[in-house]
Amino acid sequence: MVRRLPPHGGPAAGLQAAGEEPDLPPRVALFFNRPFRINRAGHAGLTMLPGIGPRLADRILSRRASHGPFTSAADLLQVSGIGPDRIRRLAPLLSFR
């Protein structure tokens, strides 16, 4: 006899609040054609974005910590090492919610 158990945390475990999208790692988000939430990303997530290495991820996190969340791709121009070309490549991949 096989008995099914509810998922860890009960029957509602893993469900998102209504209207809320799950946070996906950049490569998974790209695979599913979903935007990556840059304002919720940590260091490891940022370094998965194309053209973002560890030092640039540090600068992004530092800028976000000192000035608050990014509201648009143009805000990223304030991060040293990010210019218009990089913004053009990254903007379609990002969400600023």
C-alpha atoms as a PDB file:
ATOM      1  CA  MET A   1       0.000   0.000   0.000  1.00  0.00           C
ATOM      2  CA  VAL A   2       1.306   3.433  -0.952  1.00  0.00           C
ATOM      3  CA  ARG A   3       0.240   6.452   1.026  1.00  0.00           C
ATOM      4  CA  ARG A   4       0.622   9.976  -0.359  1.00  0.00           C
ATOM      5  CA  LEU A   5       1.909  12.594   2.005  1.00  0.00           C
ATOM      6  CA  PRO A   6       1.337  16.323   1.593  1.00  0.00           C
ATOM      7  CA  PRO A   7       4.379  18.362   0.541  1.00  0.00           C
ATOM      8  CA  HIS A   8       6.693  19.529   3.321  1.00  0.00           C
ATOM      9  CA  GLY A   9       5.038  22.452   5.067  1.00  0.00           C
ATOM     10  CA  GLY A  10       1.462  21.326   4.488  1.00  0.00           C
ATOM     11  CA  PRO A  11      -0.936  21.416   1.569  1.00  0.00           C
ATOM     12  CA  ALA A  12      -0.283  25.059   0.687  1.00  0.00           C
ATOM     13  CA  ALA A  13       3.520  24.838   0.751  1.00  0.00           C
ATOM     14  CA  GLY A  14       5.154  26.409  -2.256  1.00  0.00           C
ATOM     15  CA  LEU A  15       2.130  28.404  -3.376  1.00  0.00           C
ATOM     16  CA  GLN A  16       2.699  32.036  -4.291  1.00  0.00           C
ATOM     17  CA  ALA A  17       0.488  34.881  -3.167  1.00  0.00           C
ATOM     18  CA  ALA A  18      -2.110  35.843  -5.761  1.00  0.00           C
ATOM     19  CA  GLY A  19      -0.548  37.853  -8.570  1.00  0.00           C
ATOM     20  CA  GLU A  20       2.996  37.281  -7.331  1.00  0.00           C
ATOM     21  CA  GLU A  21       5.572  35.737  -9.650  1.00  0.00           C
ATOM     22  CA  PRO A  22       8.171  33.373  -8.203  1.00  0.00           C
ATOM     23  CA  ASP A  23      11.789  34.550  -8.083  1.00  0.00           C
ATOM     24  CA  LEU A  24      13.710  32.537 -10.644  1.00  0.00           C
ATOM     25  CA  PRO A  25      17.463  32.292 -11.153  1.00  0.00           C
ATOM     26  CA  PRO A  26      18.502  34.249 -14.264  1.00  0.00           C
ATOM     27  CA  ARG A  27      19.124  31.236 -16.490  1.00  0.00           C
ATOM     28  CA  VAL A  28      15.821  29.631 -15.507  1.00  0.00           C
ATOM     29  CA  ALA A  29      14.001  32.937 -16.011  1.00  0.00           C
ATOM     30  CA  LEU A  30      15.545  33.269 -19.471  1.00  0.00           C
ATOM     31  CA  PHE A  31      14.642  29.695 -20.346  1.00  0.00           C
ATOM     32  CA  PHE A  32      10.999  30.348 -19.479  1.00  0.00           C
ATOM     33  CA  ASN A  33      11.108  33.824 -21.076  1.00  0.00           C
ATOM     34  CA  ARG A  34      10.461  35.485 -17.706  1.00  0.00           C
ATOM     35  CA  PRO A  35      12.125  38.662 -16.398  1.00  0.00           C
ATOM     36  CA  PHE A  36      14.719  38.443 -13.642  1.00  0.00           C
ATOM     37  CA  ARG A  37      13.942  40.548 -10.558  1.00  0.00           C
ATOM     38  CA  ILE A  38      17.133  42.548 -10.120  1.00  0.00           C
ATOM     39  CA  ASN A  39      15.960  44.212  -6.898  1.00  0.00           C
ATOM     40  CA  ARG A  40      15.612  40.865  -5.147  1.00  0.00           C
ATOM     41  CA  ALA A  41      18.731  39.240  -6.553  1.00  0.00           C
ATOM     42  CA  GLY A  42      21.683  38.248  -4.446  1.00  0.00           C
ATOM     43  CA  HIS A  43      25.317  38.076  -5.493  1.00  0.00           C
ATOM     44  CA  ALA A  44      25.102  34.557  -6.951  1.00  0.00           C
ATOM     45  CA  GLY A  45      22.009  35.404  -8.988  1.00  0.00           C
ATOM     46  CA  LEU A  46      23.507  38.586 -10.391  1.00  0.00           C
ATOM     47  CA  THR A  47      26.648  36.790 -11.547  1.00  0.00           C
ATOM     48  CA  MET A  48      24.500  34.460 -13.649  1.00  0.00           C
ATOM     49  CA  LEU A  49      23.368  37.381 -15.786  1.00  0.00           C
ATOM     50  CA  PRO A  50      25.308  37.754 -19.041  1.00  0.00           C
ATOM     51  CA  GLY A  51      28.197  40.190 -18.648  1.00  0.00           C
ATOM     52  CA  ILE A  52      27.921  40.471 -14.855  1.00  0.00           C
ATOM     53  CA  GLY A  53      30.931  39.155 -12.952  1.00  0.00           C
ATOM     54  CA  PRO A  54      31.604  39.103  -9.208  1.00  0.00           C
ATOM     55  CA  ARG A  55      32.985  42.655  -8.996  1.00  0.00           C
ATOM     56  CA  LEU A  56      30.136  44.152 -10.999  1.00  0.00           C
ATOM     57  CA  ALA A  57      27.631  42.201  -8.887  1.00  0.00           C
ATOM     58  CA  ASP A  58      29.265  43.728  -5.783  1.00  0.00           C
ATOM     59  CA  ARG A  59      28.845  47.218  -7.261  1.00  0.00           C
ATOM     60  CA  ILE A  60      25.196  46.569  -8.139  1.00  0.00           C
ATOM     61  CA  LEU A  61      24.470  45.358  -4.601  1.00  0.00           C
ATOM     62  CA  SER A  62      26.342  48.303  -3.084  1.00  0.00           C
ATOM     63  CA  ARG A  63      24.422  50.830  -5.205  1.00  0.00           C
ATOM     64  CA  ARG A  64      21.112  49.162  -4.361  1.00  0.00           C
ATOM     65  CA  ALA A  65      21.950  49.177  -0.633  1.00  0.00           C
ATOM     66  CA  SER A  66      22.924  52.851  -0.609  1.00  0.00           C
ATOM     67  CA  HIS A  67      20.283  54.272  -2.987  1.00  0.00           C
ATOM     68  CA  GLY A  68      17.372  51.844  -2.740  1.00  0.00           C
ATOM     69  CA  PRO A  69      15.845  49.661  -5.441  1.00  0.00           C
ATOM     70  CA  PHE A  70      16.424  50.243  -9.122  1.00  0.00           C
ATOM     71  CA  THR A  71      13.308  51.572 -10.841  1.00  0.00           C
ATOM     72  CA  SER A  72      14.465  51.221 -14.447  1.00  0.00           C
ATOM     73  CA  ALA A  73      17.358  50.033 -16.570  1.00  0.00           C
ATOM     74  CA  ALA A  74      18.568  53.640 -16.720  1.00  0.00           C
ATOM     75  CA  ASP A  75      19.255  53.487 -12.959  1.00  0.00           C
ATOM     76  CA  LEU A  76      21.884  50.838 -13.646  1.00  0.00           C
ATOM     77  CA  LEU A  77      23.923  53.439 -15.540  1.00  0.00           C
ATOM     78  CA  GLN A  78      24.851  54.808 -12.108  1.00  0.00           C
ATOM     79  CA  VAL A  79      26.806  51.599 -11.420  1.00  0.00           C
ATOM     80  CA  SER A  80      30.464  51.895 -12.404  1.00  0.00           C
ATOM     81  CA  GLY A  81      31.174  49.448 -15.220  1.00  0.00           C
ATOM     82  CA  ILE A  82      27.666  49.461 -16.675  1.00  0.00           C
ATOM     83  CA  GLY A  83      27.258  51.481 -19.837  1.00  0.00           C
ATOM     84  CA  PRO A  84      24.635  51.861 -22.567  1.00  0.00           C
ATOM     85  CA  ASP A  85      25.714  48.714 -24.464  1.00  0.00           C
ATOM     86  CA  ARG A  86      25.430  46.511 -21.392  1.00  0.00           C
ATOM     87  CA  ILE A  87      22.064  48.102 -20.541  1.00  0.00           C
ATOM     88  CA  ARG A  88      20.746  47.280 -24.027  1.00  0.00           C
ATOM     89  CA  ARG A  89      21.683  43.620 -23.515  1.00  0.00           C
ATOM     90  CA  LEU A  90      20.370  43.379 -19.948  1.00  0.00           C
ATOM     91  CA  ALA A  91      17.189  45.498 -20.031  1.00  0.00           C
ATOM     92  CA  PRO A  92      14.971  42.903 -21.777  1.00  0.00           C
ATOM     93  CA  LEU A  93      15.994  40.314 -19.174  1.00  0.00           C
ATOM     94  CA  LEU A  94      15.190  42.369 -16.079  1.00  0.00           C
ATOM     95  CA  SER A  95      12.183  43.249 -13.969  1.00  0.00           C
ATOM     96  CA  PHE A  96      12.251  46.269 -11.672  1.00  0.00           C
ATOM     97  CA  ARG A  97       9.199  45.401  -9.532  1.00  0.00           C
END
